[in-house]
Amino acid sequence: MVAIVSLLDAEHSDRLNQLIFGLEREFGLREVQKTPYPHITWLTVNDGSLHNLQKTLGHAAGICCRFRINTTGLGIFPGEKPVLYIPVIRTAKVNQFHGQLYKAVCLISQEICSYYHPDVWMPHLSLALGDTSPEVVSQAIQYLNRHNFQWKIELDNLTLLTKNGDLYLKAGEFPLVGVEAKDTIKLTTSR
């Protein structure tokens, strides 16, 4: 699996890591640390060559501007091992960027994880996953309840993460150029 993400800036990486390390200290939750870089995931793919993905993202990043995301509150993806996360608000700019990236990657990959289809994608910053339980997550929410999760984060990169042993590590980082446009984000890629 290859993940297409944007890494967070240093300030928000530190803030997210403080929360993650607090959850490890208080509840023993550390599975989320298999990806050591705080990030928002745009897509995951199960096929397509890494070279083609690197080329597509390099091109996309070279013509796209940095832009801001906003977060708020806490969220849970339910299940036997619930995922605890900070939701990213789906603005028109976020949706446009994600949708155009999805279309560009569809040209080179047929196996994009269904969770990342534009109709169902839930952008978020993961706090705990994989080693959770409903009971621990409910306690973790009480622990996190004292924090404010209304963050404004400027994204300035597209990054590929690939599995390397037990960790997901960088396989390419591509800076987004320019500053955020007021009305639109234009992302087009060539095949």
N, C-alpha and C. Protein backbone atom coordinates (compact mmCIF):
# COMPACT_ATOMS: atom_id res chain seq x y z
N MET A 1 0.83 -1.19 0.00
CA MET A 1 0.00 0.00 0.00
C MET A 1 0.88 1.25 0.00
N VAL A 2 0.45 2.24 -0.75
CA VAL A 2 1.11 3.54 -0.80
C VAL A 2 0.08 4.58 -0.38
N ALA A 3 0.46 5.47 0.53
CA ALA A 3 -0.42 6.54 0.98
C ALA A 3 0.05 7.86 0.38
N ILE A 4 -0.90 8.63 -0.11
CA ILE A 4 -0.63 9.98 -0.61
C ILE A 4 -1.16 10.93 0.45
N VAL A 5 -0.25 11.67 1.06
CA VAL A 5 -0.58 12.49 2.23
C VAL A 5 -0.01 13.89 2.07
N SER A 6 -0.39 14.76 2.99
CA SER A 6 0.31 16.03 3.21
C SER A 6 0.77 16.02 4.66
N LEU A 7 2.07 16.21 4.85
CA LEU A 7 2.62 16.29 6.20
C LEU A 7 2.25 17.63 6.82
N LEU A 8 2.07 17.64 8.13
CA LEU A 8 1.74 18.88 8.83
C LEU A 8 2.99 19.71 9.06
N ASP A 9 2.80 21.01 9.26
CA ASP A 9 3.92 21.88 9.59
C ASP A 9 4.46 21.52 10.98
N ALA A 10 5.62 22.07 11.34
CA ALA A 10 6.29 21.71 12.59
C ALA A 10 5.41 22.00 13.81
N GLU A 11 4.74 23.15 13.85
CA GLU A 11 3.91 23.50 15.00
C GLU A 11 2.80 22.48 15.22
N HIS A 12 2.08 22.14 14.15
CA HIS A 12 0.95 21.23 14.30
C HIS A 12 1.40 19.78 14.43
N SER A 13 2.54 19.44 13.85
CA SER A 13 3.11 18.11 14.09
C SER A 13 3.42 17.94 15.57
N ASP A 14 4.03 18.97 16.17
CA ASP A 14 4.33 18.90 17.61
C ASP A 14 3.06 18.79 18.44
N ARG A 15 2.04 19.58 18.10
CA ARG A 15 0.78 19.54 18.85
C ARG A 15 0.13 18.16 18.76
N LEU A 16 0.10 17.60 17.53
CA LEU A 16 -0.51 16.29 17.35
C LEU A 16 0.32 15.22 18.06
N ASN A 17 1.63 15.29 17.94
CA ASN A 17 2.48 14.31 18.61
C ASN A 17 2.35 14.37 20.13
N GLN A 18 2.20 15.56 20.70
CA GLN A 18 1.98 15.66 22.14
C GLN A 18 0.72 14.90 22.55
N LEU A 19 -0.33 15.02 21.75
CA LEU A 19 -1.57 14.28 22.04
C LEU A 19 -1.36 12.78 21.89
N ILE A 20 -0.69 12.38 20.81
CA ILE A 20 -0.43 10.96 20.56
C ILE A 20 0.42 10.35 21.67
N PHE A 21 1.49 11.06 22.07
CA PHE A 21 2.35 10.55 23.12
C PHE A 21 1.63 10.54 24.47
N GLY A 22 0.73 11.48 24.67
CA GLY A 22 -0.10 11.47 25.88
C GLY A 22 -1.01 10.25 25.91
N LEU A 23 -1.59 9.89 24.77
CA LEU A 23 -2.44 8.69 24.69
C LEU A 23 -1.61 7.42 24.91
N GLU A 24 -0.38 7.43 24.46
CA GLU A 24 0.50 6.28 24.73
C GLU A 24 0.80 6.19 26.23
N ARG A 25 1.16 7.31 26.82
CA ARG A 25 1.49 7.33 28.25
C ARG A 25 0.30 6.92 29.13
N GLU A 26 -0.87 7.46 28.81
CA GLU A 26 -2.06 7.22 29.65
C GLU A 26 -2.74 5.88 29.39
N PHE A 27 -2.74 5.44 28.12
CA PHE A 27 -3.55 4.27 27.74
C PHE A 27 -2.78 3.19 26.99
N GLY A 28 -1.49 3.40 26.76
CA GLY A 28 -0.69 2.41 26.05
C GLY A 28 -0.96 2.35 24.55
N LEU A 29 -1.59 3.37 23.99
CA LEU A 29 -1.93 3.39 22.57
C LEU A 29 -0.74 3.91 21.77
N ARG A 30 -0.14 3.07 20.93
CA ARG A 30 1.01 3.52 20.15
C ARG A 30 1.02 3.02 18.71
N GLU A 31 0.01 2.27 18.30
CA GLU A 31 -0.02 1.73 16.93
C GLU A 31 -0.02 2.83 15.88
N VAL A 32 -0.64 3.97 16.16
CA VAL A 32 -0.69 5.09 15.22
C VAL A 32 0.71 5.60 14.90
N GLN A 33 1.67 5.34 15.76
CA GLN A 33 3.04 5.81 15.56
C GLN A 33 3.80 5.01 14.50
N LYS A 34 3.14 4.00 13.91
CA LYS A 34 3.77 3.29 12.79
C LYS A 34 3.96 4.22 11.60
N THR A 35 3.19 5.29 11.58
CA THR A 35 3.44 6.37 10.63
C THR A 35 3.95 7.53 11.48
N PRO A 36 5.28 7.72 11.49
CA PRO A 36 5.86 8.69 12.43
C PRO A 36 5.69 10.15 12.05
N TYR A 37 4.99 10.43 10.96
CA TYR A 37 4.82 11.80 10.51
C TYR A 37 3.34 12.20 10.61
N PRO A 38 3.00 13.16 11.45
CA PRO A 38 1.61 13.64 11.46
C PRO A 38 1.21 14.15 10.07
N HIS A 39 0.01 13.76 9.62
CA HIS A 39 -0.38 14.02 8.24
C HIS A 39 -1.89 13.93 8.07
N ILE A 40 -2.34 14.42 6.91
CA ILE A 40 -3.70 14.16 6.42
C ILE A 40 -3.53 13.24 5.21
N THR A 41 -4.32 12.18 5.15
CA THR A 41 -4.25 11.25 4.04
C THR A 41 -5.27 11.65 2.98
N TRP A 42 -4.78 11.82 1.75
CA TRP A 42 -5.65 12.14 0.61
C TRP A 42 -6.16 10.86 -0.04
N LEU A 43 -5.27 9.87 -0.22
CA LEU A 43 -5.62 8.63 -0.90
C LEU A 43 -4.67 7.53 -0.45
N THR A 44 -5.11 6.29 -0.57
CA THR A 44 -4.21 5.14 -0.51
C THR A 44 -4.46 4.30 -1.75
N VAL A 45 -3.39 3.73 -2.29
CA VAL A 45 -3.50 2.90 -3.49
C VAL A 45 -2.79 1.57 -3.26
N ASN A 46 -3.30 0.54 -3.91
CA ASN A 46 -2.72 -0.80 -3.78
C ASN A 46 -2.02 -1.26 -5.04
N ASP A 47 -2.04 -0.46 -6.08
CA ASP A 47 -1.35 -0.82 -7.31
C ASP A 47 -0.72 0.43 -7.91
N GLY A 48 -0.15 0.29 -9.07
CA GLY A 48 0.50 1.42 -9.71
C GLY A 48 1.95 1.50 -9.24
N SER A 49 2.82 1.80 -10.14
CA SER A 49 4.23 1.83 -9.77
C SER A 49 4.53 3.08 -8.96
N LEU A 50 5.45 2.93 -8.03
CA LEU A 50 5.87 4.06 -7.21
C LEU A 50 6.42 5.17 -8.10
N HIS A 51 7.15 4.79 -9.15
CA HIS A 51 7.70 5.79 -10.08
C HIS A 51 6.59 6.63 -10.71
N ASN A 52 5.52 5.98 -11.17
CA ASN A 52 4.40 6.72 -11.79
C ASN A 52 3.71 7.63 -10.78
N LEU A 53 3.55 7.15 -9.55
CA LEU A 53 2.94 7.99 -8.51
C LEU A 53 3.84 9.18 -8.20
N GLN A 54 5.14 8.95 -8.11
CA GLN A 54 6.07 10.05 -7.84
C GLN A 54 6.01 11.09 -8.96
N LYS A 55 5.97 10.63 -10.18
CA LYS A 55 5.90 11.54 -11.34
C LYS A 55 4.60 12.35 -11.31
N THR A 56 3.48 11.69 -11.06
CA THR A 56 2.19 12.38 -11.01
C THR A 56 2.14 13.40 -9.88
N LEU A 57 2.62 13.01 -8.70
CA LEU A 57 2.58 13.95 -7.57
C LEU A 57 3.57 15.10 -7.76
N GLY A 58 4.72 14.81 -8.33
CA GLY A 58 5.68 15.87 -8.61
C GLY A 58 5.09 16.91 -9.55
N HIS A 59 4.40 16.43 -10.59
CA HIS A 59 3.75 17.34 -11.53
C HIS A 59 2.63 18.12 -10.83
N ALA A 60 1.77 17.41 -10.09
CA ALA A 60 0.64 18.06 -9.41
C ALA A 60 1.12 19.11 -8.42
N ALA A 61 2.13 18.77 -7.62
CA ALA A 61 2.63 19.71 -6.62
C ALA A 61 3.24 20.94 -7.29
N GLY A 62 3.86 20.75 -8.44
CA GLY A 62 4.50 21.86 -9.13
C GLY A 62 3.55 22.89 -9.70
N ILE A 63 2.27 22.53 -9.83
CA ILE A 63 1.30 23.48 -10.37
C ILE A 63 0.22 23.86 -9.37
N CYS A 64 0.32 23.40 -8.14
CA CYS A 64 -0.71 23.67 -7.14
C CYS A 64 -0.16 24.57 -6.04
N CYS A 65 -1.01 25.38 -5.49
CA CYS A 65 -0.62 26.30 -4.42
C CYS A 65 -0.81 25.66 -3.05
N ARG A 66 -0.03 26.15 -2.11
CA ARG A 66 -0.27 25.79 -0.71
C ARG A 66 -1.67 26.27 -0.35
N PHE A 67 -2.28 25.61 0.63
CA PHE A 67 -3.59 26.05 1.09
C PHE A 67 -3.81 25.62 2.52
N ARG A 68 -4.85 26.16 3.14
CA ARG A 68 -5.10 25.94 4.56
C ARG A 68 -6.26 24.98 4.76
N ILE A 69 -6.10 24.13 5.79
CA ILE A 69 -7.20 23.31 6.26
C ILE A 69 -7.55 23.75 7.67
N ASN A 70 -8.79 23.47 8.06
CA ASN A 70 -9.26 23.75 9.41
C ASN A 70 -9.74 22.45 10.05
N THR A 71 -9.48 22.32 11.34
CA THR A 71 -9.93 21.14 12.08
C THR A 71 -10.87 21.58 13.19
N THR A 72 -11.61 20.60 13.70
CA THR A 72 -12.48 20.89 14.84
C THR A 72 -12.89 19.61 15.51
N GLY A 73 -12.97 19.60 16.83
CA GLY A 73 -13.53 18.50 17.60
C GLY A 73 -12.77 17.20 17.53
N LEU A 74 -13.47 16.14 17.92
CA LEU A 74 -12.95 14.77 17.87
C LEU A 74 -13.93 13.91 17.11
N GLY A 75 -13.44 12.85 16.49
CA GLY A 75 -14.30 11.92 15.78
C GLY A 75 -13.87 10.49 16.03
N ILE A 76 -14.78 9.58 15.72
CA ILE A 76 -14.51 8.14 15.89
C ILE A 76 -15.03 7.40 14.67
N PHE A 77 -14.18 6.55 14.10
CA PHE A 77 -14.64 5.56 13.14
C PHE A 77 -14.92 4.32 13.98
N PRO A 78 -16.18 3.91 14.13
CA PRO A 78 -16.51 2.82 15.05
C PRO A 78 -16.06 1.46 14.54
N GLY A 79 -16.04 0.52 15.43
CA GLY A 79 -15.67 -0.85 15.10
C GLY A 79 -15.06 -1.55 16.31
N GLU A 80 -14.60 -2.75 16.10
CA GLU A 80 -13.96 -3.51 17.17
C GLU A 80 -12.72 -2.78 17.69
N LYS A 81 -11.99 -2.14 16.76
CA LYS A 81 -10.83 -1.31 17.09
C LYS A 81 -11.07 0.09 16.52
N PRO A 82 -11.84 0.91 17.24
CA PRO A 82 -12.21 2.22 16.71
C PRO A 82 -10.99 3.10 16.43
N VAL A 83 -11.15 3.98 15.46
CA VAL A 83 -10.13 4.98 15.15
C VAL A 83 -10.57 6.30 15.79
N LEU A 84 -9.68 6.90 16.56
CA LEU A 84 -9.93 8.19 17.18
C LEU A 84 -9.17 9.25 16.39
N TYR A 85 -9.85 10.33 16.02
CA TYR A 85 -9.23 11.31 15.14
C TYR A 85 -9.76 12.72 15.38
N ILE A 86 -9.04 13.68 14.80
CA ILE A 86 -9.47 15.08 14.75
C ILE A 86 -10.00 15.32 13.33
N PRO A 87 -11.29 15.67 13.17
CA PRO A 87 -11.83 15.89 11.83
C PRO A 87 -11.26 17.13 11.15
N VAL A 88 -11.04 17.01 9.85
CA VAL A 88 -10.69 18.15 8.99
C VAL A 88 -11.97 18.57 8.29
N ILE A 89 -12.26 19.85 8.33
CA ILE A 89 -13.49 20.36 7.73
C ILE A 89 -13.37 20.32 6.21
N ARG A 90 -14.39 19.75 5.56
CA ARG A 90 -14.41 19.65 4.09
C ARG A 90 -14.94 20.95 3.51
N THR A 91 -14.03 21.83 3.17
CA THR A 91 -14.39 23.08 2.51
C THR A 91 -14.40 22.84 1.00
N ALA A 92 -14.86 23.84 0.26
CA ALA A 92 -14.85 23.72 -1.20
C ALA A 92 -13.42 23.52 -1.72
N LYS A 93 -12.45 24.22 -1.15
CA LYS A 93 -11.07 24.08 -1.60
C LYS A 93 -10.52 22.69 -1.30
N VAL A 94 -10.80 22.18 -0.10
CA VAL A 94 -10.34 20.83 0.26
C VAL A 94 -10.98 19.81 -0.68
N ASN A 95 -12.27 19.93 -0.90
CA ASN A 95 -12.96 19.00 -1.79
C ASN A 95 -12.43 19.08 -3.22
N GLN A 96 -12.19 20.28 -3.71
CA GLN A 96 -11.68 20.46 -5.07
C GLN A 96 -10.30 19.82 -5.20
N PHE A 97 -9.41 20.09 -4.24
CA PHE A 97 -8.07 19.53 -4.28
C PHE A 97 -8.12 18.00 -4.25
N HIS A 98 -8.89 17.47 -3.31
CA HIS A 98 -9.00 16.01 -3.19
C HIS A 98 -9.58 15.40 -4.45
N GLY A 99 -10.64 15.99 -4.98
CA GLY A 99 -11.29 15.45 -6.18
C GLY A 99 -10.36 15.44 -7.38
N GLN A 100 -9.61 16.52 -7.56
CA GLN A 100 -8.70 16.57 -8.70
C GLN A 100 -7.53 15.61 -8.51
N LEU A 101 -7.04 15.47 -7.29
CA LEU A 101 -5.98 14.50 -7.02
C LEU A 101 -6.49 13.08 -7.27
N TYR A 102 -7.71 12.81 -6.83
CA TYR A 102 -8.32 11.49 -7.04
C TYR A 102 -8.38 11.17 -8.54
N LYS A 103 -8.85 12.12 -9.34
CA LYS A 103 -8.94 11.90 -10.79
C LYS A 103 -7.56 11.66 -11.41
N ALA A 104 -6.57 12.43 -10.98
CA ALA A 104 -5.22 12.27 -11.54
C ALA A 104 -4.65 10.90 -11.21
N VAL A 105 -4.84 10.45 -9.97
CA VAL A 105 -4.29 9.15 -9.56
C VAL A 105 -5.07 8.01 -10.21
N CYS A 106 -6.35 8.19 -10.46
CA CYS A 106 -7.15 7.16 -11.15
C CYS A 106 -6.59 6.85 -12.53
N LEU A 107 -5.90 7.79 -13.15
CA LEU A 107 -5.31 7.55 -14.47
C LEU A 107 -4.18 6.53 -14.42
N ILE A 108 -3.56 6.36 -13.26
CA ILE A 108 -2.42 5.43 -13.16
C ILE A 108 -2.66 4.30 -12.17
N SER A 109 -3.78 4.31 -11.45
CA SER A 109 -4.05 3.27 -10.46
C SER A 109 -5.53 2.92 -10.46
N GLN A 110 -5.83 1.65 -10.53
CA GLN A 110 -7.21 1.19 -10.49
C GLN A 110 -7.64 0.75 -9.09
N GLU A 111 -6.71 0.71 -8.15
CA GLU A 111 -7.02 0.18 -6.82
C GLU A 111 -6.86 1.24 -5.74
N ILE A 112 -7.61 2.32 -5.86
CA ILE A 112 -7.65 3.33 -4.80
C ILE A 112 -8.63 2.81 -3.75
N CYS A 113 -8.21 2.85 -2.50
CA CYS A 113 -9.07 2.37 -1.41
C CYS A 113 -10.40 3.10 -1.44
N SER A 114 -11.50 2.36 -1.29
CA SER A 114 -12.84 2.94 -1.40
C SER A 114 -13.13 4.00 -0.35
N TYR A 115 -12.43 3.98 0.78
CA TYR A 115 -12.63 5.02 1.81
C TYR A 115 -12.26 6.41 1.31
N TYR A 116 -11.48 6.46 0.22
CA TYR A 116 -10.98 7.74 -0.26
C TYR A 116 -11.71 8.25 -1.50
N HIS A 117 -12.80 7.59 -1.88
CA HIS A 117 -13.62 8.10 -2.97
C HIS A 117 -14.19 9.45 -2.54
N PRO A 118 -14.24 10.44 -3.43
CA PRO A 118 -14.71 11.77 -3.04
C PRO A 118 -16.09 11.80 -2.39
N ASP A 119 -16.95 10.84 -2.69
CA ASP A 119 -18.29 10.84 -2.09
C ASP A 119 -18.30 10.43 -0.62
N VAL A 120 -17.27 9.70 -0.17
CA VAL A 120 -17.30 9.17 1.21
C VAL A 120 -16.08 9.54 2.04
N TRP A 121 -15.08 10.13 1.45
CA TRP A 121 -13.84 10.47 2.15
C TRP A 121 -14.10 11.35 3.37
N MET A 122 -13.50 10.99 4.48
CA MET A 122 -13.60 11.75 5.74
C MET A 122 -12.20 12.21 6.13
N PRO A 123 -11.79 13.39 5.73
CA PRO A 123 -10.44 13.85 6.05
C PRO A 123 -10.26 14.00 7.56
N HIS A 124 -9.08 13.60 8.04
CA HIS A 124 -8.87 13.61 9.49
C HIS A 124 -7.38 13.52 9.82
N LEU A 125 -7.08 13.78 11.07
CA LEU A 125 -5.75 13.60 11.64
C LEU A 125 -5.87 12.50 12.68
N SER A 126 -5.25 11.37 12.45
CA SER A 126 -5.40 10.21 13.34
C SER A 126 -4.69 10.42 14.67
N LEU A 127 -5.38 10.05 15.74
CA LEU A 127 -4.82 10.08 17.09
C LEU A 127 -4.53 8.69 17.63
N ALA A 128 -5.40 7.73 17.32
CA ALA A 128 -5.23 6.35 17.80
C ALA A 128 -5.94 5.42 16.84
N LEU A 129 -5.27 4.30 16.52
CA LEU A 129 -5.87 3.29 15.65
C LEU A 129 -5.12 1.98 15.81
N GLY A 130 -5.80 0.90 15.53
CA GLY A 130 -5.16 -0.42 15.49
C GLY A 130 -5.03 -1.13 16.81
N ASP A 131 -4.70 -0.44 17.88
CA ASP A 131 -4.57 -1.08 19.19
C ASP A 131 -5.58 -0.52 20.18
N THR A 132 -6.73 -0.13 19.66
CA THR A 132 -7.77 0.48 20.49
C THR A 132 -8.86 -0.53 20.83
N SER A 133 -9.75 -0.11 21.69
CA SER A 133 -10.99 -0.82 21.98
C SER A 133 -12.03 0.26 22.27
N PRO A 134 -13.33 -0.07 22.18
CA PRO A 134 -14.34 0.94 22.49
C PRO A 134 -14.18 1.52 23.90
N GLU A 135 -13.79 0.67 24.85
CA GLU A 135 -13.64 1.13 26.23
C GLU A 135 -12.48 2.12 26.36
N VAL A 136 -11.36 1.78 25.75
CA VAL A 136 -10.19 2.67 25.84
C VAL A 136 -10.45 3.98 25.11
N VAL A 137 -11.11 3.92 23.96
CA VAL A 137 -11.40 5.14 23.21
C VAL A 137 -12.33 6.05 24.01
N SER A 138 -13.31 5.50 24.72
CA SER A 138 -14.19 6.35 25.52
C SER A 138 -13.40 7.04 26.64
N GLN A 139 -12.44 6.35 27.23
CA GLN A 139 -11.59 6.97 28.25
C GLN A 139 -10.67 8.02 27.62
N ALA A 140 -10.17 7.72 26.43
CA ALA A 140 -9.28 8.65 25.74
C ALA A 140 -10.02 9.95 25.39
N ILE A 141 -11.28 9.84 25.03
CA ILE A 141 -12.07 11.04 24.72
C ILE A 141 -12.19 11.91 25.97
N GLN A 142 -12.45 11.30 27.11
CA GLN A 142 -12.52 12.07 28.35
C GLN A 142 -11.18 12.75 28.64
N TYR A 143 -10.10 12.04 28.39
CA TYR A 143 -8.76 12.59 28.59
C TYR A 143 -8.50 13.78 27.65
N LEU A 144 -8.92 13.66 26.39
CA LEU A 144 -8.67 14.70 25.39
C LEU A 144 -9.64 15.86 25.45
N ASN A 145 -10.72 15.71 26.16
CA ASN A 145 -11.81 16.68 26.18
C ASN A 145 -11.37 18.08 26.63
N ARG A 146 -10.27 18.19 27.31
CA ARG A 146 -9.81 19.50 27.81
C ARG A 146 -9.07 20.31 26.75
N HIS A 147 -8.83 19.73 25.58
CA HIS A 147 -8.08 20.39 24.52
C HIS A 147 -8.99 21.07 23.51
N ASN A 148 -8.45 22.08 22.85
CA ASN A 148 -9.14 22.76 21.77
C ASN A 148 -8.60 22.20 20.45
N PHE A 149 -9.48 21.77 19.57
CA PHE A 149 -9.06 21.18 18.30
C PHE A 149 -9.43 22.04 17.10
N GLN A 150 -9.61 23.32 17.33
CA GLN A 150 -9.89 24.24 16.22
C GLN A 150 -8.57 24.81 15.75
N TRP A 151 -7.96 24.10 14.81
CA TRP A 151 -6.64 24.46 14.29
C TRP A 151 -6.77 24.95 12.86
N LYS A 152 -5.88 25.84 12.47
CA LYS A 152 -5.73 26.29 11.09
C LYS A 152 -4.32 25.87 10.67
N ILE A 153 -4.25 25.02 9.64
CA ILE A 153 -2.98 24.43 9.24
C ILE A 153 -2.74 24.69 7.77
N GLU A 154 -1.59 25.27 7.45
CA GLU A 154 -1.25 25.45 6.03
C GLU A 154 -0.54 24.20 5.54
N LEU A 155 -1.04 23.64 4.46
CA LEU A 155 -0.42 22.47 3.84
C LEU A 155 0.49 22.95 2.71
N ASP A 156 1.72 22.46 2.69
CA ASP A 156 2.68 22.92 1.69
C ASP A 156 3.37 21.78 0.95
N ASN A 157 2.76 20.55 1.00
CA ASN A 157 3.44 19.42 0.36
C ASN A 157 2.46 18.31 0.02
N LEU A 158 2.88 17.48 -0.92
CA LEU A 158 2.29 16.16 -1.14
C LEU A 158 3.43 15.18 -0.87
N THR A 159 3.13 14.11 -0.16
CA THR A 159 4.16 13.16 0.23
C THR A 159 3.65 11.74 0.02
N LEU A 160 4.53 10.88 -0.46
CA LEU A 160 4.21 9.45 -0.59
C LEU A 160 4.79 8.73 0.61
N LEU A 161 3.98 7.87 1.23
CA LEU A 161 4.44 7.02 2.32
C LEU A 161 4.28 5.57 1.90
N THR A 162 5.32 4.76 2.12
CA THR A 162 5.25 3.34 1.81
C THR A 162 5.68 2.54 3.04
N LYS A 163 5.21 1.30 3.09
CA LYS A 163 5.53 0.43 4.22
C LYS A 163 6.98 -0.03 4.12
N ASN A 164 7.70 0.13 5.21
CA ASN A 164 9.09 -0.28 5.31
C ASN A 164 9.23 -0.99 6.66
N GLY A 165 9.15 -2.33 6.65
CA GLY A 165 9.10 -3.07 7.91
C GLY A 165 7.77 -2.81 8.58
N ASP A 166 7.82 -2.35 9.82
CA ASP A 166 6.60 -2.04 10.56
C ASP A 166 6.17 -0.57 10.41
N LEU A 167 6.98 0.23 9.75
CA LEU A 167 6.71 1.66 9.67
C LEU A 167 6.29 2.07 8.27
N TYR A 168 5.61 3.21 8.19
CA TYR A 168 5.31 3.85 6.91
C TYR A 168 6.22 5.06 6.80
N LEU A 169 7.13 5.02 5.83
CA LEU A 169 8.16 6.04 5.68
C LEU A 169 8.03 6.78 4.35
N LYS A 170 8.69 7.93 4.27
CA LYS A 170 8.62 8.77 3.07
C LYS A 170 9.26 8.08 1.87
N ALA A 171 8.56 8.16 0.74
CA ALA A 171 9.09 7.65 -0.53
C ALA A 171 9.05 8.75 -1.58
N GLY A 172 8.99 9.97 -1.12
CA GLY A 172 8.97 11.13 -2.00
C GLY A 172 8.18 12.25 -1.35
N GLU A 173 8.74 13.45 -1.37
CA GLU A 173 8.05 14.62 -0.83
C GLU A 173 8.12 15.72 -1.88
N PHE A 174 6.96 16.33 -2.17
CA PHE A 174 6.84 17.27 -3.27
C PHE A 174 6.21 18.56 -2.74
N PRO A 175 6.98 19.67 -2.74
CA PRO A 175 6.44 20.94 -2.21
C PRO A 175 5.35 21.51 -3.12
N LEU A 176 4.30 22.03 -2.49
CA LEU A 176 3.28 22.79 -3.21
C LEU A 176 3.83 24.20 -3.39
N VAL A 177 3.70 24.74 -4.56
CA VAL A 177 4.30 26.04 -4.85
C VAL A 177 3.28 27.15 -4.68
N GLY A 178 3.75 28.36 -4.52
CA GLY A 178 2.87 29.51 -4.48
C GLY A 178 2.07 29.60 -3.19
N VAL A 179 1.23 30.63 -3.14
CA VAL A 179 0.38 30.86 -1.98
C VAL A 179 -1.06 30.57 -2.37
N GLU A 180 -1.89 30.37 -1.37
CA GLU A 180 -3.29 30.01 -1.59
C GLU A 180 -4.01 31.08 -2.39
N ALA A 181 -4.69 30.63 -3.43
CA ALA A 181 -5.53 31.53 -4.21
C ALA A 181 -6.83 31.77 -3.44
N LYS A 182 -7.44 32.90 -3.67
CA LYS A 182 -8.67 33.23 -2.93
C LYS A 182 -9.82 32.29 -3.26
N ASP A 183 -10.01 31.96 -4.53
CA ASP A 183 -11.22 31.25 -4.90
C ASP A 183 -11.01 29.81 -5.33
N THR A 184 -9.89 29.47 -5.94
CA THR A 184 -9.77 28.13 -6.48
C THR A 184 -8.37 27.56 -6.29
N ILE A 185 -8.32 26.27 -6.34
CA ILE A 185 -7.07 25.54 -6.40
C ILE A 185 -7.12 24.79 -7.72
N LYS A 186 -6.17 25.02 -8.58
CA LYS A 186 -6.17 24.36 -9.89
C LYS A 186 -5.13 23.27 -9.88
N LEU A 187 -5.58 22.04 -10.04
CA LEU A 187 -4.69 20.89 -10.06
C LEU A 187 -5.03 20.08 -11.30
N THR A 188 -4.11 20.04 -12.23
CA THR A 188 -4.28 19.19 -13.39
C THR A 188 -2.97 18.44 -13.56
N THR A 189 -3.07 17.22 -14.03
CA THR A 189 -1.86 16.44 -14.25
C THR A 189 -1.90 15.85 -15.63
N SER A 190 -0.73 15.63 -16.17
CA SER A 190 -0.66 14.94 -17.45
C SER A 190 -0.41 13.48 -17.19
N ARG A 191 -0.82 12.69 -18.10
CA ARG A 191 -0.68 11.25 -17.93
C ARG A 191 0.72 10.79 -18.13
